[in-house]
Amino acid sequence: MAALMMLSIMAQAADRRYELHVDGMACPYCAYGIEKKIKALDGVDTSSMEIKLNDGLVIFEADTPEPMDQASLRTLINDSGFTLRQFQVQPINPKQE
């Protein structure tokens, strides 16, 4: 039973970490607007969301079959009234036991 629960938890774990550097986030309300749109995307681990307002940095993790592409995230950010300055995606390596 414990092994089955562990497999279930591992299956839900995020496999990529995204860092978006966003220009124009000046207040908590701005950050909330972006956060709400990103959390609505399929595969986003909502517990991993971190917004550093002073640095204009949005960090989140997601588990998707293919990485989210920069063009789609740029459109999401632009539609929110901001500018995506830099985009990074990194794989998250599962822990080896």
PDB file of N, CA and C in Angstrom:
ATOM      1  N   MET A   1       0.823  -1.189   0.000  1.00  0.00           N
ATOM      2  CA  MET A   1       0.000   0.000   0.000  1.00  0.00           C
ATOM      3  C   MET A   1       0.876   1.266   0.000  1.00  0.00           C
ATOM      4  N   ALA A   2       1.907   1.263   0.841  1.00  0.00           N
ATOM      5  CA  ALA A   2       2.792   2.431   0.916  1.00  0.00           C
ATOM      6  C   ALA A   2       3.499   2.663  -0.415  1.00  0.00           C
ATOM      7  N   ALA A   3       3.879   1.574  -1.084  1.00  0.00           N
ATOM      8  CA  ALA A   3       4.547   1.716  -2.381  1.00  0.00           C
ATOM      9  C   ALA A   3       3.607   2.326  -3.408  1.00  0.00           C
ATOM     10  N   LEU A   4       2.344   1.937  -3.373  1.00  0.00           N
ATOM     11  CA  LEU A   4       1.354   2.491  -4.293  1.00  0.00           C
ATOM     12  C   LEU A   4       1.163   3.978  -4.049  1.00  0.00           C
ATOM     13  N   MET A   5       1.114   4.382  -2.783  1.00  0.00           N
ATOM     14  CA  MET A   5       0.969   5.800  -2.457  1.00  0.00           C
ATOM     15  C   MET A   5       2.191   6.580  -2.934  1.00  0.00           C
ATOM     16  N   MET A   6       3.378   6.017  -2.785  1.00  0.00           N
ATOM     17  CA  MET A   6       4.600   6.684  -3.216  1.00  0.00           C
ATOM     18  C   MET A   6       4.601   6.860  -4.734  1.00  0.00           C
ATOM     19  N   LEU A   7       4.166   5.842  -5.473  1.00  0.00           N
ATOM     20  CA  LEU A   7       4.076   5.961  -6.927  1.00  0.00           C
ATOM     21  C   LEU A   7       3.093   7.042  -7.327  1.00  0.00           C
ATOM     22  N   SER A   8       1.989   7.143  -6.606  1.00  0.00           N
ATOM     23  CA  SER A   8       0.994   8.174  -6.894  1.00  0.00           C
ATOM     24  C   SER A   8       1.575   9.564  -6.666  1.00  0.00           C
ATOM     25  N   ILE A   9       2.301   9.742  -5.594  1.00  0.00           N
ATOM     26  CA  ILE A   9       2.921  11.035  -5.290  1.00  0.00           C
ATOM     27  C   ILE A   9       3.970  11.365  -6.344  1.00  0.00           C
ATOM     28  N   MET A  10       4.779  10.383  -6.736  1.00  0.00           N
ATOM     29  CA  MET A  10       5.812  10.618  -7.736  1.00  0.00           C
ATOM     30  C   MET A  10       5.200  10.969  -9.086  1.00  0.00           C
ATOM     31  N   ALA A  11       4.067  10.354  -9.414  1.00  0.00           N
ATOM     32  CA  ALA A  11       3.417  10.628 -10.693  1.00  0.00           C
ATOM     33  C   ALA A  11       2.896  12.056 -10.762  1.00  0.00           C
ATOM     34  N   GLN A  12       2.597  12.644  -9.611  1.00  0.00           N
ATOM     35  CA  GLN A  12       2.059  13.989  -9.578  1.00  0.00           C
ATOM     36  C   GLN A  12       3.144  15.057  -9.452  1.00  0.00           C
ATOM     37  N   ALA A  13       4.379  14.642  -9.264  1.00  0.00           N
ATOM     38  CA  ALA A  13       5.457  15.603  -9.048  1.00  0.00           C
ATOM     39  C   ALA A  13       5.753  16.383 -10.325  1.00  0.00           C
ATOM     40  N   ALA A  14       6.104  17.635 -10.146  1.00  0.00           N
ATOM     41  CA  ALA A  14       6.443  18.487 -11.288  1.00  0.00           C
ATOM     42  C   ALA A  14       7.753  18.018 -11.907  1.00  0.00           C
ATOM     43  N   ASP A  15       7.877  18.187 -13.222  1.00  0.00           N
ATOM     44  CA  ASP A  15       9.100  17.754 -13.884  1.00  0.00           C
ATOM     45  C   ASP A  15       9.905  18.894 -14.504  1.00  0.00           C
ATOM     46  N   ARG A  16       9.364  20.107 -14.467  1.00  0.00           N
ATOM     47  CA  ARG A  16      10.086  21.268 -15.002  1.00  0.00           C
ATOM     48  C   ARG A  16       9.879  22.484 -14.106  1.00  0.00           C
ATOM     49  N   ARG A  17      10.924  23.294 -14.036  1.00  0.00           N
ATOM     50  CA  ARG A  17      10.854  24.544 -13.266  1.00  0.00           C
ATOM     51  C   ARG A  17      11.000  25.701 -14.244  1.00  0.00           C
ATOM     52  N   TYR A  18      10.084  26.647 -14.143  1.00  0.00           N
ATOM     53  CA  TYR A  18      10.066  27.805 -15.036  1.00  0.00           C
ATOM     54  C   TYR A  18      10.407  29.060 -14.250  1.00  0.00           C
ATOM     55  N   GLU A  19      11.246  29.904 -14.847  1.00  0.00           N
ATOM     56  CA  GLU A  19      11.556  31.218 -14.281  1.00  0.00           C
ATOM     57  C   GLU A  19      11.247  32.258 -15.342  1.00  0.00           C
ATOM     58  N   LEU A  20      10.336  33.156 -15.021  1.00  0.00           N
ATOM     59  CA  LEU A  20       9.939  34.216 -15.941  1.00  0.00           C
ATOM     60  C   LEU A  20      10.333  35.548 -15.332  1.00  0.00           C
ATOM     61  N   HIS A  21      11.128  36.310 -16.045  1.00  0.00           N
ATOM     62  CA  HIS A  21      11.468  37.666 -15.616  1.00  0.00           C
ATOM     63  C   HIS A  21      10.500  38.599 -16.331  1.00  0.00           C
ATOM     64  N   VAL A  22       9.694  39.303 -15.537  1.00  0.00           N
ATOM     65  CA  VAL A  22       8.585  40.091 -16.074  1.00  0.00           C
ATOM     66  C   VAL A  22       8.784  41.565 -15.745  1.00  0.00           C
ATOM     67  N   ASP A  23       8.690  42.414 -16.767  1.00  0.00           N
ATOM     68  CA  ASP A  23       8.746  43.863 -16.564  1.00  0.00           C
ATOM     69  C   ASP A  23       7.342  44.395 -16.308  1.00  0.00           C
ATOM     70  N   GLY A  24       7.237  45.332 -15.370  1.00  0.00           N
ATOM     71  CA  GLY A  24       5.978  46.022 -15.134  1.00  0.00           C
ATOM     72  C   GLY A  24       5.215  45.584 -13.903  1.00  0.00           C
ATOM     73  N   MET A  25       5.687  44.540 -13.202  1.00  0.00           N
ATOM     74  CA  MET A  25       5.003  44.128 -11.971  1.00  0.00           C
ATOM     75  C   MET A  25       5.410  45.087 -10.859  1.00  0.00           C
ATOM     76  N   ALA A  26       4.506  45.970 -10.485  1.00  0.00           N
ATOM     77  CA  ALA A  26       4.861  47.004  -9.520  1.00  0.00           C
ATOM     78  C   ALA A  26       4.126  46.870  -8.192  1.00  0.00           C
ATOM     79  N   CYS A  27       3.114  46.032  -8.140  1.00  0.00           N
ATOM     80  CA  CYS A  27       2.325  45.944  -6.910  1.00  0.00           C
ATOM     81  C   CYS A  27       1.797  44.520  -6.735  1.00  0.00           C
ATOM     82  N   PRO A  28       1.329  44.192  -5.543  1.00  0.00           N
ATOM     83  CA  PRO A  28       0.783  42.852  -5.307  1.00  0.00           C
ATOM     84  C   PRO A  28      -0.398  42.512  -6.223  1.00  0.00           C
ATOM     85  N   TYR A  29      -1.191  43.498  -6.584  1.00  0.00           N
ATOM     86  CA  TYR A  29      -2.321  43.242  -7.478  1.00  0.00           C
ATOM     87  C   TYR A  29      -1.824  42.792  -8.852  1.00  0.00           C
ATOM     88  N   CYS A  30      -0.742  43.397  -9.329  1.00  0.00           N
ATOM     89  CA  CYS A  30      -0.135  42.991 -10.607  1.00  0.00           C
ATOM     90  C   CYS A  30       0.304  41.526 -10.529  1.00  0.00           C
ATOM     91  N   ALA A  31       0.999  41.197  -9.461  1.00  0.00           N
ATOM     92  CA  ALA A  31       1.490  39.836  -9.276  1.00  0.00           C
ATOM     93  C   ALA A  31       0.334  38.849  -9.199  1.00  0.00           C
ATOM     94  N   TYR A  32      -0.740  39.228  -8.529  1.00  0.00           N
ATOM     95  CA  TYR A  32      -1.900  38.350  -8.397  1.00  0.00           C
ATOM     96  C   TYR A  32      -2.507  38.040  -9.766  1.00  0.00           C
ATOM     97  N   GLY A  33      -2.573  39.024 -10.644  1.00  0.00           N
ATOM     98  CA  GLY A  33      -3.133  38.811 -11.975  1.00  0.00           C
ATOM     99  C   GLY A  33      -2.349  37.781 -12.765  1.00  0.00           C
ATOM    100  N   ILE A  34      -1.027  37.862 -12.701  1.00  0.00           N
ATOM    101  CA  ILE A  34      -0.177  36.894 -13.398  1.00  0.00           C
ATOM    102  C   ILE A  34      -0.290  35.526 -12.730  1.00  0.00           C
ATOM    103  N   GLU A  35      -0.248  35.512 -11.412  1.00  0.00           N
ATOM    104  CA  GLU A  35      -0.338  34.258 -10.666  1.00  0.00           C
ATOM    105  C   GLU A  35      -1.620  33.505 -11.021  1.00  0.00           C
ATOM    106  N   LYS A  36      -2.721  34.207 -11.074  1.00  0.00           N
ATOM    107  CA  LYS A  36      -4.022  33.598 -11.369  1.00  0.00           C
ATOM    108  C   LYS A  36      -4.020  32.947 -12.754  1.00  0.00           C
ATOM    109  N   LYS A  37      -3.442  33.622 -13.744  1.00  0.00           N
ATOM    110  CA  LYS A  37      -3.411  33.078 -15.107  1.00  0.00           C
ATOM    111  C   LYS A  37      -2.483  31.868 -15.215  1.00  0.00           C
ATOM    112  N   ILE A  38      -1.340  31.912 -14.545  1.00  0.00           N
ATOM    113  CA  ILE A  38      -0.408  30.784 -14.611  1.00  0.00           C
ATOM    114  C   ILE A  38      -0.979  29.575 -13.884  1.00  0.00           C
ATOM    115  N   LYS A  39      -1.599  29.796 -12.733  1.00  0.00           N
ATOM    116  CA  LYS A  39      -2.182  28.681 -11.986  1.00  0.00           C
ATOM    117  C   LYS A  39      -3.304  27.997 -12.759  1.00  0.00           C
ATOM    118  N   ALA A  40      -3.912  28.690 -13.705  1.00  0.00           N
ATOM    119  CA  ALA A  40      -4.990  28.109 -14.507  1.00  0.00           C
ATOM    120  C   ALA A  40      -4.466  27.193 -15.618  1.00  0.00           C
ATOM    121  N   LEU A  41      -3.161  27.221 -15.883  1.00  0.00           N
ATOM    122  CA  LEU A  41      -2.582  26.379 -16.928  1.00  0.00           C
ATOM    123  C   LEU A  41      -2.539  24.923 -16.475  1.00  0.00           C
ATOM    124  N   ASP A  42      -2.778  24.005 -17.406  1.00  0.00           N
ATOM    125  CA  ASP A  42      -2.722  22.573 -17.106  1.00  0.00           C
ATOM    126  C   ASP A  42      -1.324  22.171 -16.655  1.00  0.00           C
ATOM    127  N   GLY A  43      -1.258  21.374 -15.595  1.00  0.00           N
ATOM    128  CA  GLY A  43      -0.001  20.816 -15.132  1.00  0.00           C
ATOM    129  C   GLY A  43       0.777  21.660 -14.149  1.00  0.00           C
ATOM    130  N   VAL A  44       0.334  22.894 -13.884  1.00  0.00           N
ATOM    131  CA  VAL A  44       1.074  23.769 -12.975  1.00  0.00           C
ATOM    132  C   VAL A  44       0.858  23.311 -11.534  1.00  0.00           C
ATOM    133  N   ASP A  45       1.959  23.144 -10.822  1.00  0.00           N
ATOM    134  CA  ASP A  45       1.924  22.807  -9.399  1.00  0.00           C
ATOM    135  C   ASP A  45       1.700  24.105  -8.636  1.00  0.00           C
ATOM    136  N   THR A  46       0.461  24.325  -8.203  1.00  0.00           N
ATOM    137  CA  THR A  46       0.117  25.607  -7.583  1.00  0.00           C
ATOM    138  C   THR A  46       0.848  25.838  -6.269  1.00  0.00           C
ATOM    139  N   SER A  47       1.277  24.774  -5.611  1.00  0.00           N
ATOM    140  CA  SER A  47       1.992  24.962  -4.345  1.00  0.00           C
ATOM    141  C   SER A  47       3.424  25.441  -4.565  1.00  0.00           C
ATOM    142  N   SER A  48       3.918  25.341  -5.804  1.00  0.00           N
ATOM    143  CA  SER A  48       5.306  25.732  -6.075  1.00  0.00           C
ATOM    144  C   SER A  48       5.439  27.183  -6.536  1.00  0.00           C
ATOM    145  N   MET A  49       4.323  27.876  -6.710  1.00  0.00           N
ATOM    146  CA  MET A  49       4.338  29.238  -7.262  1.00  0.00           C
ATOM    147  C   MET A  49       5.033  30.202  -6.302  1.00  0.00           C
ATOM    148  N   GLU A  50       5.954  30.978  -6.853  1.00  0.00           N
ATOM    149  CA  GLU A  50       6.670  31.990  -6.070  1.00  0.00           C
ATOM    150  C   GLU A  50       6.808  33.240  -6.931  1.00  0.00           C
ATOM    151  N   ILE A  51       6.433  34.378  -6.376  1.00  0.00           N
ATOM    152  CA  ILE A  51       6.567  35.641  -7.099  1.00  0.00           C
ATOM    153  C   ILE A  51       7.418  36.579  -6.260  1.00  0.00           C
ATOM    154  N   LYS A  52       8.503  37.044  -6.853  1.00  0.00           N
ATOM    155  CA  LYS A  52       9.385  38.008  -6.193  1.00  0.00           C
ATOM    156  C   LYS A  52       9.127  39.352  -6.858  1.00  0.00           C
ATOM    157  N   LEU A  53       8.251  40.122  -6.250  1.00  0.00           N
ATOM    158  CA  LEU A  53       7.762  41.363  -6.837  1.00  0.00           C
ATOM    159  C   LEU A  53       8.886  42.348  -7.141  1.00  0.00           C
ATOM    160  N   ASN A  54       9.803  42.541  -6.208  1.00  0.00           N
ATOM    161  CA  ASN A  54      10.881  43.521  -6.400  1.00  0.00           C
ATOM    162  C   ASN A  54      11.807  43.158  -7.559  1.00  0.00           C
ATOM    163  N   ASP A  55      11.954  41.854  -7.830  1.00  0.00           N
ATOM    164  CA  ASP A  55      12.832  41.399  -8.906  1.00  0.00           C
ATOM    165  C   ASP A  55      12.075  41.144 -10.206  1.00  0.00           C
ATOM    166  N   GLY A  56      10.745  41.217 -10.164  1.00  0.00           N
ATOM    167  CA  GLY A  56       9.952  40.908 -11.351  1.00  0.00           C
ATOM    168  C   GLY A  56      10.101  39.455 -11.767  1.00  0.00           C
ATOM    169  N   LEU A  57      10.200  38.567 -10.791  1.00  0.00           N
ATOM    170  CA  LEU A  57      10.478  37.162 -11.057  1.00  0.00           C
ATOM    171  C   LEU A  57       9.280  36.304 -10.681  1.00  0.00           C
ATOM    172  N   VAL A  58       8.860  35.449 -11.602  1.00  0.00           N
ATOM    173  CA  VAL A  58       7.781  34.497 -11.367  1.00  0.00           C
ATOM    174  C   VAL A  58       8.384  33.106 -11.532  1.00  0.00           C
ATOM    175  N   ILE A  59       8.280  32.283 -10.496  1.00  0.00           N
ATOM    176  CA  ILE A  59       8.841  30.933 -10.522  1.00  0.00           C
ATOM    177  C   ILE A  59       7.711  29.946 -10.254  1.00  0.00           C
ATOM    178  N   PHE A  60       7.643  28.904 -11.076  1.00  0.00           N
ATOM    179  CA  PHE A  60       6.655  27.858 -10.825  1.00  0.00           C
ATOM    180  C   PHE A  60       7.145  26.552 -11.419  1.00  0.00           C
ATOM    181  N   GLU A  61       6.535  25.455 -10.973  1.00  0.00           N
ATOM    182  CA  GLU A  61       6.864  24.134 -11.475  1.00  0.00           C
ATOM    183  C   GLU A  61       5.640  23.563 -12.168  1.00  0.00           C
ATOM    184  N   ALA A  62       5.883  22.718 -13.168  1.00  0.00           N
ATOM    185  CA  ALA A  62       4.776  22.125 -13.911  1.00  0.00           C
ATOM    186  C   ALA A  62       5.157  20.737 -14.395  1.00  0.00           C
ATOM    187  N   ASP A  63       4.148  19.906 -14.524  1.00  0.00           N
ATOM    188  CA  ASP A  63       4.304  18.564 -15.064  1.00  0.00           C
ATOM    189  C   ASP A  63       3.454  18.487 -16.322  1.00  0.00           C
ATOM    190  N   THR A  64       4.093  18.584 -17.467  1.00  0.00           N
ATOM    191  CA  THR A  64       3.403  18.548 -18.754  1.00  0.00           C
ATOM    192  C   THR A  64       4.154  17.600 -19.684  1.00  0.00           C
ATOM    193  N   PRO A  65       3.457  16.975 -20.646  1.00  0.00           N
ATOM    194  CA  PRO A  65       4.145  16.062 -21.566  1.00  0.00           C
ATOM    195  C   PRO A  65       5.284  16.747 -22.329  1.00  0.00           C
ATOM    196  N   GLU A  66       5.078  17.969 -22.725  1.00  0.00           N
ATOM    197  CA  GLU A  66       6.090  18.764 -23.423  1.00  0.00           C
ATOM    198  C   GLU A  66       6.305  20.059 -22.643  1.00  0.00           C
ATOM    199  N   PRO A  67       7.510  20.623 -22.682  1.00  0.00           N
ATOM    200  CA  PRO A  67       7.718  21.905 -21.992  1.00  0.00           C
ATOM    201  C   PRO A  67       6.799  22.992 -22.552  1.00  0.00           C
ATOM    202  N   MET A  68       6.375  23.889 -21.685  1.00  0.00           N
ATOM    203  CA  MET A  68       5.614  25.050 -22.146  1.00  0.00           C
ATOM    204  C   MET A  68       6.562  25.898 -22.987  1.00  0.00           C
ATOM    205  N   ASP A  69       6.055  26.420 -24.091  1.00  0.00           N
ATOM    206  CA  ASP A  69       6.941  27.185 -24.956  1.00  0.00           C
ATOM    207  C   ASP A  69       6.920  28.668 -24.588  1.00  0.00           C
ATOM    208  N   GLN A  70       8.017  29.311 -24.926  1.00  0.00           N
ATOM    209  CA  GLN A  70       8.195  30.721 -24.579  1.00  0.00           C
ATOM    210  C   GLN A  70       7.124  31.590 -25.230  1.00  0.00           C
ATOM    211  N   ALA A  71       6.744  31.288 -26.462  1.00  0.00           N
ATOM    212  CA  ALA A  71       5.752  32.111 -27.163  1.00  0.00           C
ATOM    213  C   ALA A  71       4.407  32.109 -26.437  1.00  0.00           C
ATOM    214  N   SER A  72       3.979  30.949 -25.962  1.00  0.00           N
ATOM    215  CA  SER A  72       2.698  30.864 -25.243  1.00  0.00           C
ATOM    216  C   SER A  72       2.741  31.635 -23.935  1.00  0.00           C
ATOM    217  N   LEU A  73       3.843  31.484 -23.201  1.00  0.00           N
ATOM    218  CA  LEU A  73       3.960  32.203 -21.931  1.00  0.00           C
ATOM    219  C   LEU A  73       4.120  33.703 -22.171  1.00  0.00           C
ATOM    220  N   ARG A  74       4.802  34.080 -23.242  1.00  0.00           N
ATOM    221  CA  ARG A  74       4.937  35.501 -23.582  1.00  0.00           C
ATOM    222  C   ARG A  74       3.552  36.095 -23.867  1.00  0.00           C
ATOM    223  N   THR A  75       2.722  35.375 -24.612  1.00  0.00           N
ATOM    224  CA  THR A  75       1.367  35.840 -24.910  1.00  0.00           C
ATOM    225  C   THR A  75       0.553  35.989 -23.629  1.00  0.00           C
ATOM    226  N   LEU A  76       0.657  35.005 -22.731  1.00  0.00           N
ATOM    227  CA  LEU A  76      -0.068  35.074 -21.459  1.00  0.00           C
ATOM    228  C   LEU A  76       0.353  36.309 -20.661  1.00  0.00           C
ATOM    229  N   ILE A  77       1.657  36.558 -20.577  1.00  0.00           N
ATOM    230  CA  ILE A  77       2.174  37.709 -19.832  1.00  0.00           C
ATOM    231  C   ILE A  77       1.762  39.014 -20.514  1.00  0.00           C
ATOM    232  N   ASN A  78       1.899  39.081 -21.835  1.00  0.00           N
ATOM    233  CA  ASN A  78       1.514  40.291 -22.575  1.00  0.00           C
ATOM    234  C   ASN A  78       0.025  40.580 -22.431  1.00  0.00           C
ATOM    235  N   ASP A  79      -0.804  39.536 -22.496  1.00  0.00           N
ATOM    236  CA  ASP A  79      -2.249  39.714 -22.338  1.00  0.00           C
ATOM    237  C   ASP A  79      -2.612  40.199 -20.935  1.00  0.00           C
ATOM    238  N   SER A  80      -1.705  39.978 -19.991  1.00  0.00           N
ATOM    239  CA  SER A  80      -1.914  40.460 -18.619  1.00  0.00           C
ATOM    240  C   SER A  80      -1.447  41.902 -18.454  1.00  0.00           C
ATOM    241  N   GLY A  81      -0.843  42.468 -19.503  1.00  0.00           N
ATOM    242  CA  GLY A  81      -0.398  43.855 -19.463  1.00  0.00           C
ATOM    243  C   GLY A  81       1.057  44.046 -19.082  1.00  0.00           C
ATOM    244  N   PHE A  82       1.849  42.979 -19.172  1.00  0.00           N
ATOM    245  CA  PHE A  82       3.251  43.038 -18.781  1.00  0.00           C
ATOM    246  C   PHE A  82       4.126  42.545 -19.927  1.00  0.00           C
ATOM    247  N   THR A  83       5.438  42.607 -19.735  1.00  0.00           N
ATOM    248  CA  THR A  83       6.379  42.187 -20.769  1.00  0.00           C
ATOM    249  C   THR A  83       7.277  41.086 -20.229  1.00  0.00           C
ATOM    250  N   LEU A  84       7.337  39.972 -20.951  1.00  0.00           N
ATOM    251  CA  LEU A  84       8.246  38.894 -20.586  1.00  0.00           C
ATOM    252  C   LEU A  84       9.638  39.260 -21.084  1.00  0.00           C
ATOM    253  N   ARG A  85      10.548  39.488 -20.150  1.00  0.00           N
ATOM    254  CA  ARG A  85      11.913  39.910 -20.487  1.00  0.00           C
ATOM    255  C   ARG A  85      12.833  38.709 -20.698  1.00  0.00           C
ATOM    256  N   GLN A  86      12.677  37.693 -19.862  1.00  0.00           N
ATOM    257  CA  GLN A  86      13.559  36.526 -19.939  1.00  0.00           C
ATOM    258  C   GLN A  86      12.769  35.292 -19.534  1.00  0.00           C
ATOM    259  N   PHE A  87      13.117  34.156 -20.134  1.00  0.00           N
ATOM    260  CA  PHE A  87      12.410  32.900 -19.919  1.00  0.00           C
ATOM    261  C   PHE A  87      13.433  31.793 -19.742  1.00  0.00           C
ATOM    262  N   GLN A  88      13.278  31.012 -18.682  1.00  0.00           N
ATOM    263  CA  GLN A  88      14.159  29.859 -18.474  1.00  0.00           C
ATOM    264  C   GLN A  88      13.308  28.680 -18.037  1.00  0.00           C
ATOM    265  N   VAL A  89      13.630  27.517 -18.557  1.00  0.00           N
ATOM    266  CA  VAL A  89      12.984  26.285 -18.114  1.00  0.00           C
ATOM    267  C   VAL A  89      14.084  25.271 -17.830  1.00  0.00           C
ATOM    268  N   GLN A  90      13.948  24.593 -16.692  1.00  0.00           N
ATOM    269  CA  GLN A  90      14.954  23.622 -16.281  1.00  0.00           C
ATOM    270  C   GLN A  90      14.255  22.339 -15.873  1.00  0.00           C
ATOM    271  N   PRO A  91      14.802  21.188 -16.269  1.00  0.00           N
ATOM    272  CA  PRO A  91      14.220  19.926 -15.811  1.00  0.00           C
ATOM    273  C   PRO A  91      14.475  19.749 -14.320  1.00  0.00           C
ATOM    274  N   ILE A  92      13.536  19.122 -13.668  1.00  0.00           N
ATOM    275  CA  ILE A  92      13.700  18.780 -12.254  1.00  0.00           C
ATOM    276  C   ILE A  92      14.025  17.297 -12.220  1.00  0.00           C
ATOM    277  N   ASN A  93      15.176  16.961 -11.702  1.00  0.00           N
ATOM    278  CA  ASN A  93      15.594  15.564 -11.662  1.00  0.00           C
ATOM    279  C   ASN A  93      14.968  14.863 -10.470  1.00  0.00           C
ATOM    280  N   PRO A  94      14.338  13.702 -10.712  1.00  0.00           N
ATOM    281  CA  PRO A  94      13.788  12.959  -9.577  1.00  0.00           C
ATOM    282  C   PRO A  94      14.916  12.449  -8.689  1.00  0.00           C
ATOM    283  N   LYS A  95      14.628  12.354  -7.405  1.00  0.00           N
ATOM    284  CA  LYS A  95      15.632  11.869  -6.459  1.00  0.00           C
ATOM    285  C   LYS A  95      15.837  10.373  -6.656  1.00  0.00           C
ATOM    286  N   GLN A  96      17.079   9.984  -6.693  1.00  0.00           N
ATOM    287  CA  GLN A  96      17.431   8.572  -6.814  1.00  0.00           C
ATOM    288  C   GLN A  96      17.552   7.992  -5.414  1.00  0.00           C
ATOM    289  N   GLU A  97      16.951   6.835  -5.205  1.00  0.00           N
ATOM    290  CA  GLU A  97      17.063   6.201  -3.880  1.00  0.00           C
ATOM    291  C   GLU A  97      17.786   4.892  -4.000  1.00  0.00           C
TER     292      GLU A  97
END
